[in-house]
Amino acid sequence: MAYEKLQQYVDESSRIVFFGGAGVSTESGIPDFRSVDGLYHQKYDYPPEEILSHSFYVSKPAEFFRFYRDKLLVPDVKPNAAHLKLAEWEKQGKLIGIVTQNIDGLHQAAGSKLVYELHGSVHRNYCQKCRKFFPPEYIRDSQDPVPMCPCGGRIKPDVVLYEEGLDNDVVSGAIDAISHADLLIVAGTSLTVYPAAGLIRYFRGKHIVLINRDATPMDRECDLVIHDKVGQVLSSLH
């Protein structure tokens, strides 16, 4: 019944926006952060939240990159059914934007163009000295504990670490898309990471749908809540 209601919402909509979190990519084999088997429950010398902070990156770069290479660089993953369905809707002109908290680039790999990456991307890495960009393979294959540019500068992933602010242009684009949507699908996110989760309040359209494995603080405020895997839900739609 819930799937049929979602299909009805999709059929009636011409300006869909998708707001996604880590749960969108778990079906591609990328671990999320807060579930029982997620990154926050694995054992390291430091908590992942501390490792992925700006101050830790500055003070302990070798330890940062050990974790980064081990857990966040996943070059062999492929888009799943959720990514592919969203790319299909974009080609049909029904979807006007994807706002993602993920840094894996899987939406673009599936063919989506209208993607607002709130937390950056592992596919962009730049020298902090000369600003030259490098692909993720450069960091993965570097023999140095801390990847360095030929100019001597340190290479930093273009991802938003804890203690860092979001990119203003990306946030503005995301807000614009959300505020013009007639259907907002929120999926695969616990809605506990701010300021990203706060962007949902800019929605002025007809329906908000939440697809997530676990309950969230937003469940009561949505028109439809489906506790299931995102790819499984979206792949059932046309």
Protein backbone atom coordinates (compact mmCIF):
# COMPACT_ATOMS: atom_id res chain seq x y z
CA MET A 1 0.00 0.00 0.00
CA ALA A 2 2.82 2.42 0.86
CA TYR A 3 4.58 1.70 -2.42
CA GLU A 4 1.34 2.41 -4.31
CA LYS A 5 0.93 5.73 -2.49
CA LEU A 6 4.51 6.69 -3.37
CA GLN A 7 3.89 5.77 -7.00
CA GLN A 8 0.84 8.02 -6.95
CA TYR A 9 2.88 10.92 -5.57
CA VAL A 10 5.57 10.37 -8.25
CA ASP A 11 2.97 10.23 -11.03
CA GLU A 12 1.40 13.50 -9.86
CA SER A 13 4.73 15.32 -9.56
CA SER A 14 6.80 17.16 -12.14
CA ARG A 15 9.44 18.70 -9.85
CA ILE A 16 10.87 15.95 -7.64
CA VAL A 17 13.85 16.59 -5.39
CA PHE A 18 15.71 13.75 -3.70
CA PHE A 19 17.54 14.37 -0.42
CA GLY A 20 19.79 11.43 0.46
CA GLY A 21 22.25 10.21 3.05
CA ALA A 22 24.55 7.26 3.66
CA GLY A 23 21.71 4.74 3.48
CA VAL A 24 21.41 5.41 -0.26
CA SER A 25 24.86 3.91 -0.86
CA THR A 26 24.85 0.96 1.55
CA GLU A 27 23.30 -1.26 -1.14
CA SER A 28 26.41 -0.52 -3.21
CA GLY A 29 28.57 -1.90 -0.40
CA ILE A 30 29.58 1.39 1.23
CA PRO A 31 29.14 1.30 5.04
CA ASP A 32 27.06 4.00 6.65
CA PHE A 33 28.06 5.76 9.84
CA ARG A 34 25.56 5.14 12.60
CA SER A 35 24.06 1.69 12.13
CA VAL A 36 25.31 -1.29 14.13
CA ASP A 37 27.78 -2.29 11.42
CA GLY A 38 28.61 1.29 10.38
CA LEU A 39 31.87 3.19 10.67
CA TYR A 40 31.12 4.58 14.10
CA HIS A 41 30.99 1.07 15.57
CA GLN A 42 34.33 -0.12 14.20
CA LYS A 43 37.51 -0.05 16.24
CA TYR A 44 40.24 2.51 15.55
CA ASP A 45 42.72 4.31 17.79
CA TYR A 46 40.39 7.31 17.63
CA PRO A 47 36.63 7.65 17.04
CA PRO A 48 35.82 8.15 13.32
CA GLU A 49 34.12 11.45 14.12
CA GLU A 50 37.39 12.73 15.58
CA ILE A 51 39.49 11.37 12.70
CA LEU A 52 37.21 13.10 10.18
CA SER A 53 37.64 16.52 11.80
CA HIS A 54 39.64 19.43 10.47
CA SER A 55 41.79 19.67 13.59
CA PHE A 56 42.69 15.95 13.41
CA TYR A 57 43.53 16.29 9.69
CA VAL A 58 45.90 19.13 10.54
CA SER A 59 47.50 17.57 13.62
CA LYS A 60 47.63 13.86 12.66
CA PRO A 61 47.55 13.72 8.83
CA ALA A 62 49.11 10.26 8.52
CA GLU A 63 46.46 8.73 10.78
CA PHE A 64 43.75 10.67 8.94
CA PHE A 65 44.85 9.31 5.54
CA ARG A 66 45.19 5.76 6.87
CA PHE A 67 41.50 5.86 7.82
CA TYR A 68 40.55 7.78 4.65
CA ARG A 69 42.21 5.25 2.33
CA ASP A 70 40.85 2.32 4.30
CA LYS A 71 37.23 3.41 4.69
CA LEU A 72 36.30 6.27 2.37
CA LEU A 73 38.16 5.45 -0.85
CA VAL A 74 36.06 2.69 -2.42
CA PRO A 75 36.92 2.91 -6.14
CA ASP A 76 35.28 -0.35 -7.24
CA VAL A 77 31.72 0.36 -6.06
CA LYS A 78 28.92 0.73 -8.58
CA PRO A 79 25.63 2.67 -8.50
CA ASN A 80 22.68 0.70 -7.18
CA ALA A 81 19.00 0.67 -8.11
CA ALA A 82 18.31 3.92 -6.23
CA HIS A 83 20.98 5.88 -8.12
CA LEU A 84 19.83 4.47 -11.45
CA LYS A 85 16.15 5.26 -10.85
CA LEU A 86 16.95 8.88 -9.95
CA ALA A 87 19.07 9.29 -13.10
CA GLU A 88 16.16 7.89 -15.11
CA TRP A 89 13.73 10.40 -13.57
CA GLU A 90 16.14 13.23 -14.34
CA LYS A 91 16.32 12.20 -18.00
CA GLN A 92 12.51 12.16 -18.08
CA GLY A 93 12.46 15.72 -16.72
CA LYS A 94 10.63 14.73 -13.51
CA LEU A 95 13.54 15.21 -11.11
CA ILE A 96 15.02 18.71 -10.72
CA GLY A 97 17.76 17.99 -8.21
CA ILE A 98 19.57 15.54 -5.94
CA VAL A 99 20.84 16.87 -2.63
CA THR A 100 23.28 14.37 -1.15
CA GLN A 101 25.31 14.09 2.03
CA ASN A 102 27.41 11.36 0.40
CA ILE A 103 30.92 11.86 -0.99
CA ASP A 104 31.12 8.75 -3.19
CA GLY A 105 30.08 10.24 -6.56
CA LEU A 106 27.69 7.37 -7.29
CA HIS A 107 24.86 9.65 -8.44
CA GLN A 108 27.09 11.06 -11.18
CA ALA A 109 28.33 7.55 -12.03
CA ALA A 110 24.69 6.59 -12.62
CA GLY A 111 24.28 9.51 -15.02
CA SER A 112 22.76 12.23 -12.83
CA LYS A 113 23.83 15.81 -13.57
CA LEU A 114 21.76 17.90 -11.12
CA VAL A 115 23.62 16.87 -7.96
CA TYR A 116 24.37 19.09 -4.97
CA GLU A 117 27.13 17.44 -2.92
CA LEU A 118 26.79 19.03 0.50
CA HIS A 119 29.84 17.29 1.91
CA GLY A 120 32.06 17.30 -1.18
CA SER A 121 33.48 14.32 -3.09
CA VAL A 122 36.36 11.85 -2.83
CA HIS A 123 36.74 12.27 -6.60
CA ARG A 124 38.18 15.77 -6.15
CA ASN A 125 41.46 16.23 -4.31
CA TYR A 126 43.55 19.36 -4.46
CA CYS A 127 46.99 20.62 -3.50
CA GLN A 128 46.70 23.14 -0.68
CA LYS A 129 49.67 25.01 -2.09
CA CYS A 130 49.23 25.24 -5.89
CA ARG A 131 45.53 24.17 -6.07
CA LYS A 132 46.18 21.48 -8.69
CA PHE A 133 43.55 18.72 -8.65
CA PHE A 134 44.21 14.99 -8.40
CA PRO A 135 41.99 11.89 -8.87
CA PRO A 136 41.26 9.58 -5.91
CA GLU A 137 43.65 6.98 -7.36
CA TYR A 138 46.55 9.36 -6.70
CA ILE A 139 45.81 9.31 -2.98
CA ARG A 140 45.11 5.59 -2.97
CA ASP A 141 48.36 4.70 -4.75
CA SER A 142 50.64 7.23 -3.07
CA GLN A 143 53.57 5.59 -1.28
CA ASP A 144 53.71 8.43 1.22
CA PRO A 145 51.56 8.23 4.37
CA VAL A 146 50.46 11.80 3.57
CA PRO A 147 49.96 12.34 -0.20
CA MET A 148 52.00 15.24 -1.51
CA CYS A 149 51.89 17.27 -4.72
CA PRO A 150 55.05 17.46 -6.87
CA CYS A 151 55.18 21.14 -5.86
CA GLY A 152 55.62 20.11 -2.21
CA GLY A 153 52.13 20.95 -0.99
CA ARG A 154 49.85 18.54 0.89
CA ILE A 155 46.91 17.14 -1.05
CA LYS A 156 43.54 17.48 0.69
CA PRO A 157 40.36 15.62 -0.28
CA ASP A 158 37.63 18.05 -1.33
CA VAL A 159 35.33 16.78 1.40
CA VAL A 160 33.77 18.76 4.21
CA LEU A 161 35.29 17.62 7.49
CA TYR A 162 33.80 18.18 10.93
CA GLU A 163 34.53 21.77 12.04
CA GLU A 164 34.45 22.95 8.42
CA GLY A 165 31.61 24.91 6.80
CA LEU A 166 29.54 23.84 3.81
CA ASP A 167 30.14 25.43 0.41
CA ASN A 168 27.82 28.43 0.07
CA ASP A 169 27.13 27.89 -3.64
CA VAL A 170 26.22 24.24 -3.11
CA VAL A 171 23.93 25.12 -0.20
CA SER A 172 22.24 27.88 -2.22
CA GLY A 173 21.63 25.51 -5.12
CA ALA A 174 20.23 22.85 -2.81
CA ILE A 175 17.88 25.33 -1.12
CA ASP A 176 16.69 26.62 -4.48
CA ALA A 177 15.92 23.10 -5.70
CA ILE A 178 14.13 22.08 -2.48
CA SER A 179 12.07 25.26 -2.37
CA HIS A 180 10.84 24.69 -5.96
CA ALA A 181 10.01 20.98 -5.54
CA ASP A 182 6.45 19.67 -5.47
CA LEU A 183 7.63 16.30 -4.06
CA LEU A 184 10.56 15.86 -1.67
CA ILE A 185 11.85 12.33 -1.14
CA VAL A 186 14.15 12.08 1.89
CA ALA A 187 16.00 8.78 2.01
CA GLY A 188 18.77 6.89 3.75
CA THR A 189 19.49 9.51 6.39
CA SER A 190 19.04 9.71 10.14
CA LEU A 191 18.47 13.47 9.79
CA THR A 192 20.80 14.16 12.71
CA VAL A 193 23.67 15.86 10.87
CA TYR A 194 23.30 19.63 10.71
CA PRO A 195 23.28 21.99 8.90
CA ALA A 196 22.46 19.50 6.11
CA ALA A 197 19.31 18.12 7.76
CA GLY A 198 18.00 21.65 8.30
CA LEU A 199 17.67 22.25 4.55
CA ILE A 200 14.45 20.24 4.49
CA ARG A 201 12.61 23.12 6.14
CA TYR A 202 12.80 25.08 2.86
CA PHE A 203 10.34 22.68 1.21
CA ARG A 204 7.05 24.36 0.22
CA GLY A 205 5.55 21.69 -2.02
CA LYS A 206 2.81 19.08 -1.66
CA HIS A 207 4.32 15.95 -0.15
CA ILE A 208 7.36 14.82 1.84
CA VAL A 209 8.19 11.12 1.70
CA LEU A 210 10.72 9.50 4.03
CA ILE A 211 12.43 6.23 3.13
CA ASN A 212 14.80 4.93 5.79
CA ARG A 213 15.59 1.63 7.45
CA ASP A 214 15.18 3.08 10.95
CA ALA A 215 12.86 5.66 12.48
CA THR A 216 13.97 9.32 12.39
CA PRO A 217 12.98 12.56 14.16
CA MET A 218 11.10 13.55 10.98
CA ASP A 219 8.77 10.54 10.73
CA ARG A 220 5.75 12.32 12.22
CA GLU A 221 6.11 15.30 9.88
CA CYS A 222 6.05 13.33 6.64
CA ASP A 223 3.08 12.44 4.44
CA LEU A 224 4.45 8.94 3.87
CA VAL A 225 7.09 6.93 5.76
CA ILE A 226 8.57 3.68 4.43
CA HIS A 227 11.02 1.75 6.60
CA ASP A 228 12.82 -0.21 3.93
CA LYS A 229 15.93 -0.21 1.74
CA VAL A 230 16.05 2.78 -0.59
CA GLY A 231 17.05 0.87 -3.72
CA GLN A 232 14.38 -1.73 -3.12
CA VAL A 233 11.70 0.96 -2.83
CA LEU A 234 12.75 3.11 -5.78
CA SER A 235 13.33 0.17 -8.13
CA SER A 236 9.68 -0.86 -7.63
CA LEU A 237 8.53 2.44 -9.16
CA HIS A 238 8.20 3.48 -12.79
